């Protein structure tokens, strides 16, 4: 059931919680809501609640066998995709795709320090 806060939560398992918090706050504008040492952090961007969980967190328990990993990612709409790409490249952020265009807009994939994907998207006008 949705709550009054109306946020969408996503959990990413990360190798290093402080490095993930630094990446998301420095490069993508997230705000820190709660940090539990190297085990867990709750960071937010608008209505997105991103839970970054390290090895010591309960969220890092093994996924049941057979489910495997997919191509899951968070999807962030950006105002200036070209400027964002330049800024992130200059900062040494790893890109996982080339810029692609489709009927809905343009997108490119970056990775956080643990390899989790983030899609930066500029919708078609």
Protein backbone atom coordinates (compact mmCIF):
# COMPACT_ATOMS: atom_id res chain seq x y z
CA UNK A 1 0.00 0.00 0.00
CA UNK A 2 1.34 3.47 -0.82
CA UNK A 3 2.01 5.76 2.08
CA UNK A 4 1.45 9.49 2.32
CA UNK A 5 5.10 10.00 1.40
CA UNK A 6 4.63 8.50 -2.12
CA UNK A 7 8.20 7.39 -2.76
CA UNK A 8 9.46 4.60 -4.94
CA UNK A 9 12.14 2.51 -3.22
CA UNK A 10 14.89 0.58 -4.98
CA UNK A 11 17.58 -1.49 -3.26
CA UNK A 12 21.07 -1.80 -4.70
CA UNK A 13 23.59 -4.17 -3.18
CA UNK A 14 26.95 -2.40 -3.10
CA UNK A 15 30.53 -3.32 -2.26
CA UNK A 16 31.19 -0.12 -0.30
CA UNK A 17 28.32 1.88 1.24
CA UNK A 18 30.33 5.10 1.89
CA UNK A 19 31.65 5.05 -1.71
CA UNK A 20 28.11 4.56 -3.05
CA UNK A 21 26.76 7.41 -0.91
CA UNK A 22 29.58 9.67 -2.10
CA UNK A 23 28.94 8.72 -5.75
CA UNK A 24 25.18 9.33 -5.68
CA UNK A 25 25.38 12.57 -3.68
CA UNK A 26 28.36 14.04 -5.55
CA UNK A 27 27.49 13.09 -9.12
CA UNK A 28 23.70 12.69 -9.19
CA UNK A 29 22.40 15.08 -6.52
CA UNK A 30 20.95 12.59 -4.00
CA UNK A 31 20.40 13.64 -0.37
CA UNK A 32 21.34 11.46 2.60
CA UNK A 33 18.44 10.55 4.90
CA UNK A 34 20.08 7.85 7.04
CA UNK A 35 23.40 6.00 7.20
CA UNK A 36 24.17 2.93 9.30
CA UNK A 37 27.95 2.79 9.00
CA UNK A 38 29.20 0.50 6.26
CA UNK A 39 26.05 -1.66 6.30
CA UNK A 40 23.30 0.53 4.86
CA UNK A 41 22.22 3.98 3.69
CA UNK A 42 18.91 5.56 2.70
CA UNK A 43 19.46 8.25 0.06
CA UNK A 44 16.83 10.20 -1.88
CA UNK A 45 16.34 12.06 -5.12
CA UNK A 46 12.85 13.50 -5.38
CA UNK A 47 10.40 10.62 -4.98
CA UNK A 48 13.13 7.96 -5.41
CA UNK A 49 14.37 6.29 -2.24
CA UNK A 50 17.57 4.37 -3.00
CA UNK A 51 18.60 1.87 -0.35
CA UNK A 52 22.28 1.02 -0.69
CA UNK A 53 23.08 -2.13 1.22
CA UNK A 54 26.52 -3.50 2.05
CA UNK A 55 27.51 -7.04 2.94
CA UNK A 56 26.54 -6.59 6.61
CA UNK A 57 22.95 -5.63 5.79
CA UNK A 58 19.97 -7.96 5.81
CA UNK A 59 19.20 -6.84 2.24
CA UNK A 60 22.45 -8.40 1.02
CA UNK A 61 21.29 -11.94 1.70
CA UNK A 62 21.70 -14.24 -1.29
CA UNK A 63 19.05 -14.15 -4.00
CA UNK A 64 17.25 -17.49 -4.30
CA UNK A 65 18.96 -19.78 -6.79
CA UNK A 66 17.71 -19.57 -10.35
CA UNK A 67 16.59 -15.93 -10.26
CA UNK A 68 19.88 -14.54 -11.58
CA UNK A 69 20.64 -10.91 -12.23
CA UNK A 70 18.85 -8.97 -14.89
CA UNK A 71 19.35 -5.62 -16.52
CA UNK A 72 17.76 -3.72 -13.68
CA UNK A 73 18.66 -0.07 -13.33
CA UNK A 74 17.33 3.15 -11.97
CA UNK A 75 16.13 5.60 -14.59
CA UNK A 76 16.87 9.28 -14.05
CA UNK A 77 15.51 12.01 -16.31
CA UNK A 78 18.07 14.78 -16.75
CA UNK A 79 17.56 18.31 -18.08
CA UNK A 80 20.83 18.57 -20.01
CA UNK A 81 22.00 15.11 -21.06
CA UNK A 82 24.97 16.36 -23.10
CA UNK A 83 26.18 18.58 -20.27
CA UNK A 84 25.65 15.79 -17.75
CA UNK A 85 27.69 13.36 -19.88
CA UNK A 86 30.54 15.87 -20.14
CA UNK A 87 30.50 16.57 -16.38
CA UNK A 88 30.48 12.87 -15.47
CA UNK A 89 33.19 11.95 -18.01
CA UNK A 90 35.36 14.76 -16.62
CA UNK A 91 34.80 13.32 -13.13
CA UNK A 92 35.90 9.82 -14.26
CA UNK A 93 32.48 8.17 -13.88
CA UNK A 94 32.41 4.85 -15.82
CA UNK A 95 30.03 4.67 -18.78
CA UNK A 96 28.52 1.30 -19.74
CA UNK A 97 27.00 2.27 -23.09
CA UNK A 98 27.25 4.79 -25.86
CA UNK A 99 24.61 7.47 -26.19
CA UNK A 100 21.63 5.96 -28.01
CA UNK A 101 18.53 7.56 -29.47
CA UNK A 102 15.12 6.00 -29.81
CA UNK A 103 11.53 7.01 -30.31
CA UNK A 104 11.18 8.03 -26.66
CA UNK A 105 14.39 10.03 -26.35
CA UNK A 106 18.12 9.64 -25.76
CA UNK A 107 19.84 7.59 -23.08
CA UNK A 108 23.20 6.48 -21.78
CA UNK A 109 24.18 4.06 -19.02
CA UNK A 110 26.65 4.75 -16.22
CA UNK A 111 27.68 2.53 -13.32
CA UNK A 112 28.05 3.23 -9.63
CA UNK A 113 31.20 2.06 -7.79
CA UNK A 114 29.70 -1.46 -7.42
CA UNK A 115 28.67 -1.75 -11.08
CA UNK A 116 24.94 -1.07 -10.57
CA UNK A 117 23.44 0.58 -13.63
CA UNK A 118 21.93 4.05 -13.84
CA UNK A 119 20.17 5.16 -17.02
CA UNK A 120 20.39 8.87 -17.71
CA UNK A 121 17.49 9.80 -19.98
CA UNK A 122 16.50 12.84 -22.02
CA UNK A 123 12.91 12.44 -23.27
CA UNK A 124 11.99 13.35 -26.83
CA UNK A 125 10.14 16.63 -27.05
